[in-house]
């Protein structure tokens, strides 16, 4: 092994250890009594009490429900809107289509945090402050989703569309029976990315929500871990693992499909 390759390998291992260290500490603290959060003893007793205490200390069931409703609402809206827009940009020719698509791509350069004030004003004018709909509404049209699906639709052979027209299919039927099935890898990759992002989104939900009935997991966990609740790292680590467990399990279950989907739906 060359010296350069050795340095790259050591650097990769170092970065990996730094990345996973917080997770390893959370695992240790969550499954051990509070007295062992800063004492690493191999024979330390294991316990599930921290998870029960965290679940009883905050309405995590409500937070889970709110988050599930939120990510489902956003994903369904994104899949519908992005599919229609991407199909129009990929297969339709109309005046100004290039300019409109450039404006869509321009959204990729704008950080959502820049629009916090304007988004809040809009939700206030609509009377949607402190609702789950208000959290998801600014994200229901995704420039990334439109771009990714457009690139995928452009790779579909034109002959398949012509064959569907011969069979008597209309525009929506062609989209549903030809383009959507062939873009399943892209839908899977984008769906996992969207769910992961909005499951972890924090700043906008923090700004727009005020009550338990609308808070998602990220905001609920922040409130739970505040100093008003007391600092017990064992319980806080347990709550953190509970909120992140669905994403971790989803990644472990769909890791291969996720990587393959992005490779097959590669942007060309």
C-alpha atoms as a PDB file:
ATOM      1  CA  UNK A   1       0.000   0.000   0.000  1.00  0.00           C
ATOM      2  CA  UNK A   2       1.410   3.384  -1.001  1.00  0.00           C
ATOM      3  CA  UNK A   3       1.915   6.166   1.537  1.00  0.00           C
ATOM      4  CA  UNK A   4      -0.824   8.292  -0.070  1.00  0.00           C
ATOM      5  CA  UNK A   5      -3.314   5.418   0.051  1.00  0.00           C
ATOM      6  CA  UNK A   6      -2.405   4.794   3.702  1.00  0.00           C
ATOM      7  CA  UNK A   7      -3.058   8.436   4.617  1.00  0.00           C
ATOM      8  CA  UNK A   8      -6.401   8.372   2.783  1.00  0.00           C
ATOM      9  CA  UNK A   9      -7.442   5.184   4.595  1.00  0.00           C
ATOM     10  CA  UNK A  10      -6.470   6.565   8.011  1.00  0.00           C
ATOM     11  CA  UNK A  11      -8.277   9.842   7.275  1.00  0.00           C
ATOM     12  CA  UNK A  12     -11.406   7.941   6.220  1.00  0.00           C
ATOM     13  CA  UNK A  13     -11.359   5.890   9.418  1.00  0.00           C
ATOM     14  CA  UNK A  14     -10.813   9.026  11.513  1.00  0.00           C
ATOM     15  CA  UNK A  15     -13.739  10.819   9.889  1.00  0.00           C
ATOM     16  CA  UNK A  16     -15.896   7.730  10.336  1.00  0.00           C
ATOM     17  CA  UNK A  17     -15.063   7.510  14.033  1.00  0.00           C
ATOM     18  CA  UNK A  18     -15.754  11.215  14.553  1.00  0.00           C
ATOM     19  CA  UNK A  19     -19.103  10.873  12.745  1.00  0.00           C
ATOM     20  CA  UNK A  20     -20.284   7.822  14.690  1.00  0.00           C
ATOM     21  CA  UNK A  21     -18.940   8.864  18.115  1.00  0.00           C
ATOM     22  CA  UNK A  22     -22.094  10.819  19.171  1.00  0.00           C
ATOM     23  CA  UNK A  23     -24.298   7.877  18.189  1.00  0.00           C
ATOM     24  CA  UNK A  24     -22.139   5.443  20.139  1.00  0.00           C
ATOM     25  CA  UNK A  25     -22.305   7.686  23.205  1.00  0.00           C
ATOM     26  CA  UNK A  26     -26.093   7.981  22.869  1.00  0.00           C
ATOM     27  CA  UNK A  27     -26.371   4.193  22.700  1.00  0.00           C
ATOM     28  CA  UNK A  28     -24.228   3.794  25.797  1.00  0.00           C
ATOM     29  CA  UNK A  29     -26.069   6.435  27.830  1.00  0.00           C
ATOM     30  CA  UNK A  30     -29.523   5.253  26.783  1.00  0.00           C
ATOM     31  CA  UNK A  31     -29.036   1.633  27.884  1.00  0.00           C
ATOM     32  CA  UNK A  32     -27.236   2.323  31.161  1.00  0.00           C
ATOM     33  CA  UNK A  33     -28.239   4.042  34.429  1.00  0.00           C
ATOM     34  CA  UNK A  34     -27.590   7.769  34.755  1.00  0.00           C
ATOM     35  CA  UNK A  35     -24.588   7.139  37.002  1.00  0.00           C
ATOM     36  CA  UNK A  36     -22.742   5.573  34.052  1.00  0.00           C
ATOM     37  CA  UNK A  37     -23.269   8.317  31.463  1.00  0.00           C
ATOM     38  CA  UNK A  38     -19.682   9.468  31.994  1.00  0.00           C
ATOM     39  CA  UNK A  39     -18.249   6.196  33.286  1.00  0.00           C
ATOM     40  CA  UNK A  40     -17.427   3.576  30.685  1.00  0.00           C
ATOM     41  CA  UNK A  41     -17.361   0.238  32.461  1.00  0.00           C
ATOM     42  CA  UNK A  42     -17.793  -2.939  30.451  1.00  0.00           C
ATOM     43  CA  UNK A  43     -19.729  -4.603  33.286  1.00  0.00           C
ATOM     44  CA  UNK A  44     -22.090  -1.686  33.851  1.00  0.00           C
ATOM     45  CA  UNK A  45     -25.722  -2.852  34.258  1.00  0.00           C
ATOM     46  CA  UNK A  46     -28.100  -2.525  31.313  1.00  0.00           C
ATOM     47  CA  UNK A  47     -31.547  -0.980  31.663  1.00  0.00           C
ATOM     48  CA  UNK A  48     -34.583   0.083  29.627  1.00  0.00           C
ATOM     49  CA  UNK A  49     -35.821   2.425  32.332  1.00  0.00           C
ATOM     50  CA  UNK A  50     -34.486   5.476  30.482  1.00  0.00           C
ATOM     51  CA  UNK A  51     -36.769   4.836  27.509  1.00  0.00           C
ATOM     52  CA  UNK A  52     -39.832   4.428  29.731  1.00  0.00           C
ATOM     53  CA  UNK A  53     -38.952   7.592  31.638  1.00  0.00           C
ATOM     54  CA  UNK A  54     -38.468   9.583  28.432  1.00  0.00           C
ATOM     55  CA  UNK A  55     -41.748   8.323  26.952  1.00  0.00           C
ATOM     56  CA  UNK A  56     -43.660   9.285  30.113  1.00  0.00           C
ATOM     57  CA  UNK A  57     -41.985  12.683  30.474  1.00  0.00           C
ATOM     58  CA  UNK A  58     -43.216  14.120  27.163  1.00  0.00           C
ATOM     59  CA  UNK A  59     -46.072  13.462  24.677  1.00  0.00           C
ATOM     60  CA  UNK A  60     -43.866  11.607  22.206  1.00  0.00           C
ATOM     61  CA  UNK A  61     -46.836   9.638  20.853  1.00  0.00           C
ATOM     62  CA  UNK A  62     -48.361  12.923  19.685  1.00  0.00           C
ATOM     63  CA  UNK A  63     -45.025  14.097  18.300  1.00  0.00           C
ATOM     64  CA  UNK A  64     -44.660  10.867  16.312  1.00  0.00           C
ATOM     65  CA  UNK A  65     -48.185  11.226  14.933  1.00  0.00           C
ATOM     66  CA  UNK A  66     -47.601  14.853  13.939  1.00  0.00           C
ATOM     67  CA  UNK A  67     -44.335  13.975  12.217  1.00  0.00           C
ATOM     68  CA  UNK A  68     -45.866  11.032  10.356  1.00  0.00           C
ATOM     69  CA  UNK A  69     -48.745  13.189   9.120  1.00  0.00           C
ATOM     70  CA  UNK A  70     -46.313  15.931   8.126  1.00  0.00           C
ATOM     71  CA  UNK A  71     -43.865  13.832   6.112  1.00  0.00           C
ATOM     72  CA  UNK A  72     -46.706  11.898   4.458  1.00  0.00           C
ATOM     73  CA  UNK A  73     -48.526  15.091   3.483  1.00  0.00           C
ATOM     74  CA  UNK A  74     -45.376  16.649   2.046  1.00  0.00           C
ATOM     75  CA  UNK A  75     -44.278  13.513   0.194  1.00  0.00           C
ATOM     76  CA  UNK A  76     -47.665  12.900  -1.440  1.00  0.00           C
ATOM     77  CA  UNK A  77     -47.925  16.544  -2.541  1.00  0.00           C
ATOM     78  CA  UNK A  78     -44.358  16.544  -3.834  1.00  0.00           C
ATOM     79  CA  UNK A  79     -44.779  13.349  -5.823  1.00  0.00           C
ATOM     80  CA  UNK A  80     -47.926  14.651  -7.512  1.00  0.00           C
ATOM     81  CA  UNK A  81     -46.693  18.177  -8.242  1.00  0.00           C
ATOM     82  CA  UNK A  82     -43.164  17.161  -9.202  1.00  0.00           C
ATOM     83  CA  UNK A  83     -44.402  14.394 -11.498  1.00  0.00           C
ATOM     84  CA  UNK A  84     -46.738  16.715 -13.398  1.00  0.00           C
ATOM     85  CA  UNK A  85     -44.188  19.525 -13.652  1.00  0.00           C
ATOM     86  CA  UNK A  86     -41.334  17.203 -14.629  1.00  0.00           C
ATOM     87  CA  UNK A  87     -43.453  15.540 -17.328  1.00  0.00           C
ATOM     88  CA  UNK A  88     -44.369  18.926 -18.761  1.00  0.00           C
ATOM     89  CA  UNK A  89     -40.751  20.102 -18.848  1.00  0.00           C
ATOM     90  CA  UNK A  90     -39.478  16.791 -20.225  1.00  0.00           C
ATOM     91  CA  UNK A  91     -41.977  16.106 -23.027  1.00  0.00           C
ATOM     92  CA  UNK A  92     -43.911  19.296 -23.753  1.00  0.00           C
ATOM     93  CA  UNK A  93     -42.668  22.127 -25.901  1.00  0.00           C
ATOM     94  CA  UNK A  94     -44.221  25.487 -25.116  1.00  0.00           C
ATOM     95  CA  UNK A  95     -43.015  29.106 -25.296  1.00  0.00           C
ATOM     96  CA  UNK A  96     -40.835  30.037 -22.347  1.00  0.00           C
ATOM     97  CA  UNK A  97     -40.351  26.484 -21.096  1.00  0.00           C
ATOM     98  CA  UNK A  98     -36.586  26.986 -20.831  1.00  0.00           C
ATOM     99  CA  UNK A  99     -37.001  30.193 -18.846  1.00  0.00           C
ATOM    100  CA  UNK A 100     -39.561  28.608 -16.526  1.00  0.00           C
ATOM    101  CA  UNK A 101     -37.305  25.623 -15.902  1.00  0.00           C
ATOM    102  CA  UNK A 102     -34.412  27.977 -15.154  1.00  0.00           C
ATOM    103  CA  UNK A 103     -36.590  29.713 -12.579  1.00  0.00           C
ATOM    104  CA  UNK A 104     -37.358  26.340 -11.018  1.00  0.00           C
ATOM    105  CA  UNK A 105     -33.648  25.553 -10.806  1.00  0.00           C
ATOM    106  CA  UNK A 106     -33.082  28.966  -9.252  1.00  0.00           C
ATOM    107  CA  UNK A 107     -34.973  27.718  -6.208  1.00  0.00           C
ATOM    108  CA  UNK A 108     -32.119  25.278  -5.553  1.00  0.00           C
ATOM    109  CA  UNK A 109     -29.850  28.231  -4.847  1.00  0.00           C
ATOM    110  CA  UNK A 110     -32.134  29.753  -2.211  1.00  0.00           C
ATOM    111  CA  UNK A 111     -31.802  28.415   1.309  1.00  0.00           C
ATOM    112  CA  UNK A 112     -35.204  27.835   2.962  1.00  0.00           C
ATOM    113  CA  UNK A 113     -34.022  29.707   6.061  1.00  0.00           C
ATOM    114  CA  UNK A 114     -33.813  32.934   4.036  1.00  0.00           C
ATOM    115  CA  UNK A 115     -37.590  32.796   3.497  1.00  0.00           C
ATOM    116  CA  UNK A 116     -38.592  32.272   7.129  1.00  0.00           C
ATOM    117  CA  UNK A 117     -40.010  35.754   7.649  1.00  0.00           C
ATOM    118  CA  UNK A 118     -41.937  35.868   4.371  1.00  0.00           C
ATOM    119  CA  UNK A 119     -43.250  32.343   4.845  1.00  0.00           C
ATOM    120  CA  UNK A 120     -44.430  33.224   8.342  1.00  0.00           C
ATOM    121  CA  UNK A 121     -46.218  36.328   7.052  1.00  0.00           C
ATOM    122  CA  UNK A 122     -47.911  34.266   4.364  1.00  0.00           C
ATOM    123  CA  UNK A 123     -49.084  31.614   6.832  1.00  0.00           C
ATOM    124  CA  UNK A 124     -50.326  34.307   9.185  1.00  0.00           C
ATOM    125  CA  UNK A 125     -52.323  35.953   6.397  1.00  0.00           C
ATOM    126  CA  UNK A 126     -53.802  32.556   5.506  1.00  0.00           C
ATOM    127  CA  UNK A 127     -54.663  31.868   9.153  1.00  0.00           C
ATOM    128  CA  UNK A 128     -52.549  28.711   9.205  1.00  0.00           C
ATOM    129  CA  UNK A 129     -50.085  29.537  11.991  1.00  0.00           C
ATOM    130  CA  UNK A 130     -49.611  26.634  14.415  1.00  0.00           C
ATOM    131  CA  UNK A 131     -50.923  23.981  12.022  1.00  0.00           C
ATOM    132  CA  UNK A 132     -49.279  20.969  10.426  1.00  0.00           C
ATOM    133  CA  UNK A 133     -50.329  22.268   7.006  1.00  0.00           C
ATOM    134  CA  UNK A 134     -48.329  25.446   7.627  1.00  0.00           C
ATOM    135  CA  UNK A 135     -45.183  23.389   8.258  1.00  0.00           C
ATOM    136  CA  UNK A 136     -45.488  21.465   5.023  1.00  0.00           C
ATOM    137  CA  UNK A 137     -46.948  24.042   2.626  1.00  0.00           C
ATOM    138  CA  UNK A 138     -43.653  25.807   1.733  1.00  0.00           C
ATOM    139  CA  UNK A 139     -42.071  22.463   0.777  1.00  0.00           C
ATOM    140  CA  UNK A 140     -44.805  20.905  -1.350  1.00  0.00           C
ATOM    141  CA  UNK A 141     -43.200  21.999  -4.621  1.00  0.00           C
ATOM    142  CA  UNK A 142     -39.607  20.784  -4.767  1.00  0.00           C
ATOM    143  CA  UNK A 143     -37.181  22.097  -7.396  1.00  0.00           C
ATOM    144  CA  UNK A 144     -34.888  19.151  -6.728  1.00  0.00           C
ATOM    145  CA  UNK A 145     -37.738  16.681  -7.261  1.00  0.00           C
ATOM    146  CA  UNK A 146     -38.798  18.363 -10.505  1.00  0.00           C
ATOM    147  CA  UNK A 147     -35.225  18.366 -11.790  1.00  0.00           C
ATOM    148  CA  UNK A 148     -34.541  14.754 -10.834  1.00  0.00           C
ATOM    149  CA  UNK A 149     -37.768  13.443 -12.377  1.00  0.00           C
ATOM    150  CA  UNK A 150     -37.347  15.570 -15.492  1.00  0.00           C
ATOM    151  CA  UNK A 151     -33.920  14.061 -16.118  1.00  0.00           C
ATOM    152  CA  UNK A 152     -35.388  10.577 -15.632  1.00  0.00           C
ATOM    153  CA  UNK A 153     -38.364  11.195 -17.930  1.00  0.00           C
ATOM    154  CA  UNK A 154     -36.060  12.517 -20.656  1.00  0.00           C
ATOM    155  CA  UNK A 155     -34.303   9.130 -20.709  1.00  0.00           C
ATOM    156  CA  UNK A 156     -37.545   7.249 -21.459  1.00  0.00           C
ATOM    157  CA  UNK A 157     -37.546   6.137 -25.131  1.00  0.00           C
ATOM    158  CA  UNK A 158     -39.949   8.151 -27.251  1.00  0.00           C
ATOM    159  CA  UNK A 159     -41.080   4.917 -28.932  1.00  0.00           C
ATOM    160  CA  UNK A 160     -42.801   3.783 -25.727  1.00  0.00           C
ATOM    161  CA  UNK A 161     -44.882   6.943 -25.663  1.00  0.00           C
ATOM    162  CA  UNK A 162     -45.773   6.541 -29.332  1.00  0.00           C
ATOM    163  CA  UNK A 163     -46.805   2.918 -28.723  1.00  0.00           C
ATOM    164  CA  UNK A 164     -49.070   4.056 -25.881  1.00  0.00           C
ATOM    165  CA  UNK A 165     -50.674   6.650 -28.158  1.00  0.00           C
ATOM    166  CA  UNK A 166     -51.367   3.929 -30.728  1.00  0.00           C
ATOM    167  CA  UNK A 167     -53.063   1.927 -27.955  1.00  0.00           C
ATOM    168  CA  UNK A 168     -55.368   4.878 -27.365  1.00  0.00           C
ATOM    169  CA  UNK A 169     -53.835   6.283 -24.170  1.00  0.00           C
ATOM    170  CA  UNK A 170     -54.275   9.936 -23.343  1.00  0.00           C
ATOM    171  CA  UNK A 171     -51.655  12.195 -21.799  1.00  0.00           C
ATOM    172  CA  UNK A 172     -52.351  11.257 -18.173  1.00  0.00           C
ATOM    173  CA  UNK A 173     -52.600   7.570 -19.083  1.00  0.00           C
ATOM    174  CA  UNK A 174     -49.199   7.749 -20.815  1.00  0.00           C
ATOM    175  CA  UNK A 175     -47.720   9.404 -17.742  1.00  0.00           C
ATOM    176  CA  UNK A 176     -49.212   6.825 -15.370  1.00  0.00           C
ATOM    177  CA  UNK A 177     -48.584   3.684 -17.428  1.00  0.00           C
ATOM    178  CA  UNK A 178     -45.276   4.502 -19.123  1.00  0.00           C
ATOM    179  CA  UNK A 179     -43.274   7.148 -17.314  1.00  0.00           C
ATOM    180  CA  UNK A 180     -44.153   6.523 -13.670  1.00  0.00           C
ATOM    181  CA  UNK A 181     -43.357   2.756 -13.690  1.00  0.00           C
ATOM    182  CA  UNK A 182     -40.008   3.355 -15.399  1.00  0.00           C
ATOM    183  CA  UNK A 183     -39.118   6.035 -12.836  1.00  0.00           C
ATOM    184  CA  UNK A 184     -39.689   3.873  -9.742  1.00  0.00           C
ATOM    185  CA  UNK A 185     -35.986   3.886  -8.731  1.00  0.00           C
ATOM    186  CA  UNK A 186     -36.017   7.677  -8.865  1.00  0.00           C
ATOM    187  CA  UNK A 187     -39.218   7.869  -6.832  1.00  0.00           C
ATOM    188  CA  UNK A 188     -37.716   5.585  -4.189  1.00  0.00           C
ATOM    189  CA  UNK A 189     -34.501   7.593  -3.921  1.00  0.00           C
ATOM    190  CA  UNK A 190     -36.320  10.908  -3.818  1.00  0.00           C
ATOM    191  CA  UNK A 191     -38.929   9.641  -1.363  1.00  0.00           C
ATOM    192  CA  UNK A 192     -36.296   8.480   1.107  1.00  0.00           C
ATOM    193  CA  UNK A 193     -34.453  11.781   0.788  1.00  0.00           C
ATOM    194  CA  UNK A 194     -37.617  13.824   1.299  1.00  0.00           C
ATOM    195  CA  UNK A 195     -38.784  11.842   4.326  1.00  0.00           C
ATOM    196  CA  UNK A 196     -35.334  12.055   5.916  1.00  0.00           C
ATOM    197  CA  UNK A 197     -35.094  15.813   5.407  1.00  0.00           C
ATOM    198  CA  UNK A 198     -38.535  16.694   6.711  1.00  0.00           C
ATOM    199  CA  UNK A 199     -38.334  14.228   9.579  1.00  0.00           C
ATOM    200  CA  UNK A 200     -35.237  16.124  10.768  1.00  0.00           C
ATOM    201  CA  UNK A 201     -36.323  19.645   9.805  1.00  0.00           C
ATOM    202  CA  UNK A 202     -36.204  21.895  12.856  1.00  0.00           C
ATOM    203  CA  UNK A 203     -36.028  25.660  12.338  1.00  0.00           C
ATOM    204  CA  UNK A 204     -39.230  26.272  10.344  1.00  0.00           C
ATOM    205  CA  UNK A 205     -41.392  23.967  12.529  1.00  0.00           C
ATOM    206  CA  UNK A 206     -39.960  25.716  15.591  1.00  0.00           C
ATOM    207  CA  UNK A 207     -40.992  29.108  14.224  1.00  0.00           C
ATOM    208  CA  UNK A 208     -44.483  28.203  13.009  1.00  0.00           C
ATOM    209  CA  UNK A 209     -45.718  25.915  15.819  1.00  0.00           C
ATOM    210  CA  UNK A 210     -46.656  26.804  19.379  1.00  0.00           C
ATOM    211  CA  UNK A 211     -48.523  23.829  20.849  1.00  0.00           C
ATOM    212  CA  UNK A 212     -48.124  20.115  21.453  1.00  0.00           C
ATOM    213  CA  UNK A 213     -50.898  19.373  18.959  1.00  0.00           C
ATOM    214  CA  UNK A 214     -48.750  20.549  16.034  1.00  0.00           C
ATOM    215  CA  UNK A 215     -45.123  20.106  17.117  1.00  0.00           C
ATOM    216  CA  UNK A 216     -43.087  17.480  15.224  1.00  0.00           C
ATOM    217  CA  UNK A 217     -40.467  15.294  16.858  1.00  0.00           C
ATOM    218  CA  UNK A 218     -37.545  17.658  16.339  1.00  0.00           C
ATOM    219  CA  UNK A 219     -39.230  20.557  18.117  1.00  0.00           C
ATOM    220  CA  UNK A 220     -40.697  18.294  20.787  1.00  0.00           C
ATOM    221  CA  UNK A 221     -37.281  16.810  21.494  1.00  0.00           C
ATOM    222  CA  UNK A 222     -35.778  20.297  21.750  1.00  0.00           C
ATOM    223  CA  UNK A 223     -38.402  21.323  24.297  1.00  0.00           C
ATOM    224  CA  UNK A 224     -37.907  18.074  26.192  1.00  0.00           C
ATOM    225  CA  UNK A 225     -34.141  18.511  26.316  1.00  0.00           C
ATOM    226  CA  UNK A 226     -34.300  22.132  27.491  1.00  0.00           C
ATOM    227  CA  UNK A 227     -32.928  23.098  30.865  1.00  0.00           C
ATOM    228  CA  UNK A 228     -36.451  23.377  32.267  1.00  0.00           C
ATOM    229  CA  UNK A 229     -36.688  19.590  32.039  1.00  0.00           C
ATOM    230  CA  UNK A 230     -33.396  19.084  33.864  1.00  0.00           C
ATOM    231  CA  UNK A 231     -30.243  17.656  32.341  1.00  0.00           C
ATOM    232  CA  UNK A 232     -30.297  13.866  32.489  1.00  0.00           C
ATOM    233  CA  UNK A 233     -28.183  12.654  29.597  1.00  0.00           C
ATOM    234  CA  UNK A 234     -29.378   9.073  29.924  1.00  0.00           C
ATOM    235  CA  UNK A 235     -33.027  10.065  29.402  1.00  0.00           C
ATOM    236  CA  UNK A 236     -32.185  12.651  26.756  1.00  0.00           C
ATOM    237  CA  UNK A 237     -30.134  10.064  24.854  1.00  0.00           C
ATOM    238  CA  UNK A 238     -33.036   7.623  25.068  1.00  0.00           C
ATOM    239  CA  UNK A 239     -35.434  10.213  23.668  1.00  0.00           C
ATOM    240  CA  UNK A 240     -32.970  11.020  20.878  1.00  0.00           C
ATOM    241  CA  UNK A 241     -32.690   7.366  19.898  1.00  0.00           C
ATOM    242  CA  UNK A 242     -36.478   6.971  19.935  1.00  0.00           C
ATOM    243  CA  UNK A 243     -36.955   9.899  17.560  1.00  0.00           C
ATOM    244  CA  UNK A 244     -34.180   8.854  15.192  1.00  0.00           C
ATOM    245  CA  UNK A 245     -34.862   5.096  15.277  1.00  0.00           C
ATOM    246  CA  UNK A 246     -37.347   5.080  12.342  1.00  0.00           C
ATOM    247  CA  UNK A 247     -34.826   6.795  10.071  1.00  0.00           C
ATOM    248  CA  UNK A 248     -31.993   4.546  11.184  1.00  0.00           C
ATOM    249  CA  UNK A 249     -34.078   1.423  10.607  1.00  0.00           C
ATOM    250  CA  UNK A 250     -35.266   2.734   7.253  1.00  0.00           C
ATOM    251  CA  UNK A 251     -31.698   3.407   6.153  1.00  0.00           C
ATOM    252  CA  UNK A 252     -30.539  -0.032   7.241  1.00  0.00           C
ATOM    253  CA  UNK A 253     -33.452  -1.746   5.487  1.00  0.00           C
ATOM    254  CA  UNK A 254     -33.295   0.265   2.252  1.00  0.00           C
ATOM    255  CA  UNK A 255     -29.598   1.128   2.100  1.00  0.00           C
ATOM    256  CA  UNK A 256     -28.880  -0.980  -0.976  1.00  0.00           C
ATOM    257  CA  UNK A 257     -32.052   0.123  -2.792  1.00  0.00           C
ATOM    258  CA  UNK A 258     -31.310   3.747  -1.915  1.00  0.00           C
ATOM    259  CA  UNK A 259     -27.787   3.675  -3.355  1.00  0.00           C
ATOM    260  CA  UNK A 260     -28.843   1.705  -6.420  1.00  0.00           C
ATOM    261  CA  UNK A 261     -31.764   4.061  -7.042  1.00  0.00           C
ATOM    262  CA  UNK A 262     -29.535   7.104  -7.135  1.00  0.00           C
ATOM    263  CA  UNK A 263     -27.036   5.290  -9.362  1.00  0.00           C
ATOM    264  CA  UNK A 264     -29.763   4.234 -11.806  1.00  0.00           C
ATOM    265  CA  UNK A 265     -31.421   7.632 -11.675  1.00  0.00           C
ATOM    266  CA  UNK A 266     -28.103   9.413 -12.067  1.00  0.00           C
ATOM    267  CA  UNK A 267     -28.255  12.952 -13.349  1.00  0.00           C
ATOM    268  CA  UNK A 268     -26.910  13.006 -16.902  1.00  0.00           C
END
